[in-house]
Protein backbone atom coordinates (compact mmCIF):
# COMPACT_ATOMS: atom_id res chain seq x y z
CA MET A 1 11.40 8.03 -15.47
CA ARG A 2 12.47 5.49 -12.86
CA TYR A 3 14.99 2.76 -12.62
CA PRO A 4 13.65 -0.59 -13.85
CA THR A 5 13.27 -3.69 -11.72
CA LEU A 6 17.03 -3.89 -11.14
CA PHE A 7 16.37 -1.53 -8.26
CA LEU A 8 15.29 -4.26 -5.85
CA MET A 9 16.85 -3.61 -2.49
CA ILE A 10 17.77 -6.69 -0.49
CA PHE A 11 18.06 -5.17 2.93
CA PHE A 12 17.89 -8.30 5.05
CA ALA A 13 21.60 -8.97 4.50
CA CYS A 14 22.65 -7.87 7.96
CA SER A 15 19.52 -8.89 9.84
CA VAL A 16 19.42 -12.63 9.08
CA CYS A 17 19.06 -14.52 12.30
CA LEU A 18 22.30 -16.41 12.72
CA GLN A 19 21.55 -19.93 13.84
CA THR A 20 24.51 -22.14 14.57
CA TYR A 21 24.62 -25.79 15.46
CA ALA A 22 26.73 -27.88 17.78
CA GLN A 23 28.97 -29.02 14.93
CA THR A 24 29.50 -25.58 13.34
CA PRO A 25 33.19 -24.62 13.69
CA ASP A 26 33.85 -21.39 15.56
CA SER A 27 35.99 -20.18 12.66
CA ALA A 28 33.00 -20.46 10.29
CA VAL A 29 30.89 -18.33 12.60
CA ARG A 30 33.63 -15.71 12.89
CA TYR A 31 34.03 -15.44 9.12
CA TYR A 32 30.26 -15.17 8.75
CA GLN A 33 30.10 -12.38 11.32
CA ASP A 34 33.00 -10.57 9.63
CA ALA A 35 31.15 -10.84 6.32
CA GLN A 36 28.05 -9.31 7.89
CA LYS A 37 30.07 -6.35 9.14
CA LYS A 38 31.52 -5.80 5.67
CA MET A 39 28.05 -5.98 4.14
CA LYS A 40 26.95 -3.13 6.39
CA LYS A 41 29.85 -1.06 5.05
CA GLY A 42 29.08 -1.92 1.43
CA ASP A 43 32.29 -3.93 1.06
CA TRP A 44 30.73 -6.58 -1.16
CA SER A 45 34.02 -8.11 -2.35
CA GLY A 46 35.34 -8.41 1.20
CA ALA A 47 32.06 -9.95 2.33
CA LEU A 48 32.19 -12.40 -0.57
CA GLU A 49 35.62 -13.59 0.53
CA ASP A 50 34.56 -14.07 4.15
CA TYR A 51 31.31 -15.84 3.25
CA THR A 52 33.35 -18.22 1.09
CA LYS A 53 35.61 -19.04 4.02
CA ALA A 54 32.57 -19.57 6.25
CA ILE A 55 31.12 -21.96 3.67
CA GLU A 56 34.36 -23.88 3.34
CA ARG A 57 34.75 -24.33 7.07
CA SER A 58 31.15 -25.18 7.86
CA SER A 59 30.86 -27.76 5.07
CA ARG A 60 34.00 -29.70 5.99
CA LEU A 61 33.87 -30.74 9.63
CA ASN A 62 36.06 -32.89 11.80
CA ALA A 63 34.46 -36.24 12.58
CA SER A 64 34.84 -35.63 16.29
CA ARG A 65 32.65 -32.48 16.04
CA GLY A 66 29.69 -33.99 14.29
CA ASP A 67 28.37 -37.20 12.81
CA ALA A 68 27.13 -36.91 9.22
CA ARG A 69 24.82 -39.88 9.70
CA GLN A 70 22.61 -37.98 12.14
CA TRP A 71 21.65 -35.57 9.33
CA ASN A 72 20.68 -38.33 6.84
CA LEU A 73 22.75 -36.59 4.17
CA PRO A 74 22.72 -37.19 0.42
CA THR A 75 25.82 -37.81 -1.65
CA PRO A 76 28.33 -36.37 -2.34
CA PHE A 77 28.39 -34.51 0.97
CA ASP A 78 28.41 -37.59 3.22
CA ARG A 79 31.34 -39.35 1.59
CA LEU A 80 34.20 -40.13 3.94
CA GLN A 81 37.43 -38.56 2.73
CA SER A 82 40.20 -41.08 2.18
CA ASN A 83 43.18 -41.03 4.58
CA THR A 84 41.67 -38.33 6.80
CA ASP A 85 39.40 -38.08 9.81
CA GLU A 86 37.33 -35.38 8.07
CA ILE A 87 33.94 -35.95 6.49
CA ARG A 88 31.87 -33.96 4.03
CA VAL A 89 28.59 -32.92 5.60
CA ILE A 90 25.72 -30.55 5.17
CA ASP A 91 25.66 -28.24 8.16
CA PRO A 92 22.39 -26.25 8.10
CA PHE A 93 24.49 -23.19 8.97
CA THR A 94 26.10 -23.49 5.54
CA ALA A 95 22.78 -22.66 3.90
CA VAL A 96 22.72 -19.29 5.66
CA ALA A 97 26.30 -18.62 4.57
CA TYR A 98 25.41 -19.45 0.95
CA SER A 99 22.40 -17.13 1.21
CA GLY A 100 24.60 -14.32 2.52
CA ARG A 101 27.16 -14.82 -0.23
CA ALA A 102 24.36 -14.70 -2.79
CA ILE A 103 23.53 -11.18 -1.59
CA ALA A 104 27.15 -10.13 -2.05
CA HIS A 105 27.10 -11.58 -5.58
CA PHE A 106 23.87 -9.70 -6.25
CA HIS A 107 25.36 -6.36 -5.24
CA LEU A 108 28.38 -7.12 -7.43
CA ARG A 109 25.88 -7.69 -10.28
CA ASP A 110 26.90 -11.32 -10.74
CA PHE A 111 23.32 -12.52 -10.89
CA ASP A 112 24.11 -16.03 -12.13
CA ALA A 113 26.44 -16.60 -9.18
CA ALA A 114 23.76 -15.25 -6.82
CA ILE A 115 21.22 -17.69 -8.24
CA ALA A 116 23.70 -20.58 -7.96
CA ASP A 117 24.36 -19.80 -4.29
CA CYS A 118 20.65 -19.57 -3.55
CA ASN A 119 20.16 -22.94 -5.23
CA GLN A 120 22.83 -24.40 -2.95
CA ALA A 121 21.24 -22.81 0.12
CA LEU A 122 17.82 -24.18 -0.78
CA ARG A 123 19.22 -27.63 -1.50
CA ILE A 124 20.49 -27.71 2.08
CA LYS A 125 17.59 -25.86 3.69
CA PRO A 126 14.48 -25.76 1.47
CA GLY A 127 12.55 -23.61 3.94
CA LEU A 128 15.02 -20.69 3.87
CA ALA A 129 12.70 -17.88 2.79
CA SER A 130 15.48 -15.30 2.46
CA ALA A 131 17.15 -17.38 -0.26
CA TYR A 132 13.95 -17.27 -2.33
CA VAL A 133 13.89 -13.46 -2.01
CA THR A 134 17.51 -13.13 -3.14
CA ARG A 135 17.05 -15.55 -6.01
CA GLY A 136 13.90 -13.70 -7.03
CA ALA A 137 15.77 -10.39 -7.09
CA ALA A 138 18.56 -11.88 -9.21
CA GLN A 139 16.08 -13.43 -11.62
CA SER A 140 14.16 -10.18 -11.90
CA SER A 141 17.39 -8.35 -12.64
CA LYS A 142 17.98 -10.78 -15.51
CA GLY A 143 14.48 -10.14 -16.85
CA GLU A 144 13.17 -13.52 -15.65
CA ARG A 145 10.05 -11.99 -14.12
CA ASP A 146 7.86 -15.10 -13.98
CA ALA A 147 10.53 -17.03 -12.11
CA ALA A 148 11.06 -14.07 -9.77
CA MET A 149 7.35 -13.86 -8.99
CA LEU A 150 7.25 -17.56 -8.13
CA ASP A 151 10.15 -17.12 -5.72
CA TYR A 152 8.60 -14.09 -4.01
CA ASN A 153 5.36 -16.04 -3.64
CA ARG A 154 7.28 -18.93 -2.07
CA ALA A 155 8.99 -16.56 0.36
CA VAL A 156 5.66 -15.06 1.44
CA ALA A 157 4.17 -18.55 1.85
CA LEU A 158 7.08 -19.53 4.09
CA ASP A 159 7.14 -16.31 6.09
CA GLU A 160 4.11 -14.03 5.93
CA HIS A 161 6.02 -11.36 7.85
CA MET A 162 8.99 -11.10 5.49
CA VAL A 163 9.10 -7.40 4.60
CA GLU A 164 11.67 -7.90 1.83
CA ALA A 165 9.43 -10.33 -0.04
CA TYR A 166 6.49 -7.90 -0.05
CA ASN A 167 8.73 -4.97 -1.00
CA ASN A 168 10.31 -6.77 -3.94
CA ARG A 169 7.09 -8.40 -5.09
CA GLY A 170 5.38 -5.02 -4.95
CA ALA A 171 8.10 -3.49 -7.16
CA LEU A 172 7.82 -6.39 -9.60
CA ARG A 173 4.03 -6.12 -9.72
CA HIS A 174 4.41 -2.44 -10.56
CA ASP A 175 6.70 -3.32 -13.45
CA LEU A 176 4.11 -5.84 -14.62
CA ARG A 177 1.48 -3.06 -14.49
CA ASP A 178 -0.42 -4.70 -11.64
CA ILE A 179 -0.91 -1.36 -9.88
CA GLU A 180 -3.36 -2.48 -7.21
CA GLY A 181 -1.35 -5.59 -6.43
CA ALA A 182 1.77 -3.46 -6.11
CA ILE A 183 0.10 -1.05 -3.70
CA SER A 184 -1.25 -3.94 -1.63
CA ASP A 185 2.21 -5.50 -1.27
CA LEU A 186 3.95 -2.21 -0.52
CA ASN A 187 1.30 -1.25 2.04
CA ARG A 188 1.90 -4.62 3.69
CA ALA A 189 5.67 -4.06 3.72
CA ILE A 190 5.19 -0.63 5.32
CA SER A 191 2.80 -1.99 7.93
CA LEU A 192 5.34 -4.68 8.87
CA ASN A 193 8.21 -2.21 9.19
CA PRO A 194 7.41 1.50 8.74
CA LYS A 195 11.05 2.44 9.32
CA LEU A 196 12.37 1.08 6.02
CA PRO A 197 12.67 3.66 3.20
CA GLU A 198 12.50 1.30 0.21
CA PRO A 199 8.76 0.45 0.31
CA TYR A 200 7.89 4.16 0.46
CA TYR A 201 10.14 4.77 -2.54
CA HIS A 202 8.51 2.01 -4.58
CA ARG A 203 5.01 3.09 -3.59
CA GLY A 204 5.91 6.65 -4.55
CA TYR A 205 6.58 5.55 -8.12
CA VAL A 206 3.35 3.59 -8.24
CA LEU A 207 1.59 6.83 -7.30
CA VAL A 208 3.51 8.67 -10.05
CA ASP A 209 2.01 6.23 -12.55
CA LYS A 210 -1.41 6.93 -11.04
CA LYS A 211 -0.76 10.67 -11.58
CA ASP A 212 -1.05 11.21 -7.83
CA PHE A 213 2.01 13.43 -7.67
CA ALA A 214 1.16 14.93 -4.28
CA GLY A 215 0.84 11.46 -2.77
CA ALA A 216 4.06 10.39 -4.46
CA ILE A 217 5.92 13.36 -2.99
CA GLU A 218 4.67 12.41 0.48
CA ASP A 219 6.10 8.92 0.05
CA PHE A 220 9.43 10.19 -1.30
CA ASN A 221 9.58 12.66 1.60
CA ARG A 222 9.04 9.81 4.04
CA ALA A 223 11.77 7.74 2.38
CA LEU A 224 14.15 10.69 2.68
CA GLN A 225 13.25 11.24 6.33
CA LEU A 226 14.34 7.66 6.95
CA ASP A 227 17.43 7.87 4.72
CA ALA A 228 18.64 11.37 3.86
CA ASN A 229 21.20 9.92 1.42
CA PHE A 230 18.71 7.90 -0.64
CA ALA A 231 19.66 9.17 -4.11
CA TRP A 232 16.82 7.40 -5.88
CA ALA A 233 14.25 9.04 -3.61
CA TYR A 234 15.52 12.47 -4.67
CA GLN A 235 15.25 11.29 -8.26
CA GLY A 236 11.66 10.15 -7.62
CA ARG A 237 10.64 13.35 -5.89
CA GLY A 238 12.22 15.37 -8.68
CA THR A 239 10.17 13.44 -11.22
CA SER A 240 6.98 14.22 -9.28
CA LEU A 241 7.85 17.90 -8.97
CA MET A 242 8.61 18.10 -12.69
CA ASN A 243 5.20 16.63 -13.44
CA GLN A 244 3.71 19.38 -11.28
CA GLY A 245 5.56 21.98 -13.34
CA LYS A 246 7.89 22.89 -10.46
CA LEU A 247 11.00 22.74 -12.61
CA ASP A 248 13.42 24.63 -10.38
CA LEU A 249 12.60 22.43 -7.38
CA ALA A 250 12.86 19.35 -9.58
CA ILE A 251 16.33 20.40 -10.79
CA THR A 252 17.41 20.85 -7.17
CA ASP A 253 16.35 17.29 -6.37
CA PHE A 254 17.97 15.81 -9.49
CA SER A 255 21.18 17.66 -8.65
CA ARG A 256 21.12 16.32 -5.08
CA ALA A 257 20.59 12.80 -6.42
CA LEU A 258 23.65 13.21 -8.63
CA GLU A 259 25.74 14.50 -5.73
CA LEU A 260 24.98 11.22 -3.97
CA ASP A 261 25.28 9.00 -7.05
CA HIS A 262 27.33 10.40 -9.94
CA ASP A 263 26.21 7.58 -12.24
CA LEU A 264 22.46 7.84 -11.67
CA ALA A 265 21.67 8.03 -15.37
CA PHE A 266 17.99 8.94 -15.21
CA ALA A 267 18.67 11.92 -12.99
CA TYR A 268 20.76 13.34 -15.84
CA ALA A 269 17.98 12.54 -18.31
CA ASN A 270 15.25 14.15 -16.25
CA ARG A 271 17.32 17.15 -15.23
CA GLY A 272 18.16 17.64 -18.89
CA LEU A 273 14.46 17.68 -19.75
CA ALA A 274 13.80 20.18 -16.96
CA PHE A 275 16.61 22.43 -18.25
CA MET A 276 15.20 22.06 -21.74
CA LEU A 277 11.74 23.17 -20.60
CA LEU A 278 13.39 26.21 -18.97
CA ARG A 279 15.15 26.85 -22.30
CA LYS A 280 18.58 26.33 -20.78
CA GLU A 281 19.85 24.52 -23.85
CA LYS A 282 23.54 24.28 -22.91
CA GLU A 283 22.84 22.69 -19.54
CA ALA A 284 20.27 20.37 -21.09
CA GLN A 285 22.68 19.18 -23.79
CA GLN A 286 25.39 18.47 -21.23
CA ASP A 287 23.01 16.32 -19.21
CA PHE A 288 21.74 14.46 -22.28
CA GLU A 289 25.30 13.68 -23.38
CA ARG A 290 26.12 12.29 -19.94
CA PHE A 291 22.97 10.18 -19.98
CA PHE A 292 23.90 8.74 -23.39
CA GLU A 293 27.38 7.88 -22.05
CA LEU A 294 25.85 5.96 -19.16
CA ARG A 295 23.01 4.34 -21.10
CA PRO A 296 24.04 4.13 -24.77
CA GLU A 297 21.46 1.43 -25.42
CA MET A 298 18.71 3.98 -24.72
CA LYS A 299 19.99 6.74 -27.01
CA THR A 300 17.48 6.21 -29.81
CA GLU A 301 14.54 5.82 -27.42
CA PHE A 302 15.39 8.88 -25.36
CA GLN A 303 16.27 11.02 -28.36
CA THR A 304 12.70 10.45 -29.53
CA ARG A 305 11.48 11.85 -26.21
CA ILE A 306 13.75 14.86 -26.53
CA ASP A 307 12.47 15.54 -30.05
CA LEU A 308 8.87 15.22 -28.90
CA THR A 309 9.45 17.65 -26.03
CA SER A 310 11.05 20.09 -28.47
CA ARG A 311 8.05 19.93 -30.83
CA LEU A 312 5.61 20.44 -27.97
CA MET A 313 7.56 23.49 -26.84
CA GLN A 314 7.47 24.88 -30.38
CA LEU A 315 3.71 24.34 -30.61
CA LYS A 316 3.20 26.03 -27.25
CA SER A 317 5.29 29.01 -28.38
CA ALA A 318 3.29 29.26 -31.62
CA LYS A 319 0.01 29.33 -29.68
CA VAL A 320 1.33 32.06 -27.39
CA ARG A 321 2.18 34.22 -30.37
């Protein structure tokens, strides 16, 4: 079992090429750079605050630093403010700041706010491919898969070398059961940047669905070589090992995943099944109870799987006798 399409890594957050313009205030650039540093540390709330300050400062400029007329701006941004020498403008830099803040919103699971910021970024700079990727990820997380696919396609059309677009589109295609399309996109992502762990992870789960467990393990191994703390890759490798009947090794991987991420629900579910198959009923029940705490909406569905596994074990025991 794998995490659904919510697991769409947006890893371009700290690698966006920062392009400033003559009229961009230095303070806006500094806040943007501070936000980038906080993103690297996983401080999403701090980054959100700094991106907001960067947006505020880059979208309200002093008249002496830039002339709104040269940008041919639409209302309301080009209205002169009464009794002040400031003007409302659209600085192209602001689009990048909006795009960055959208990523922070995404990681804070405020998908509507992420989409709104991407819309603002694209209003200012329609060719900003990264904003399409972020908006696609937020839409996918909300279950709006068709809209997400359109945005990933737009990103690829704008930048055929955008690894993130191929990675996320490949994951979405997998969820839509387009196995070959998923593999094609993920292969492309890997060819563009073989040092990113996420495309290997996603391709590993595609291979799990193809019952190529050995190939899946190779991809999860590669993801873990690139990021030894990638909890979901341990979860994926554990799933592959369990499908190969290597239950003890699978439990080791699920346990490592949970050391790294205490709330990784499906690692509890899968480890519980592995314990169950080893007839360690107490350990299995503890894991199932934790899974139900984390994902109560899946209790009925997963209980059916537990019951089915129990019946299969009983049938196997009867045949042995």
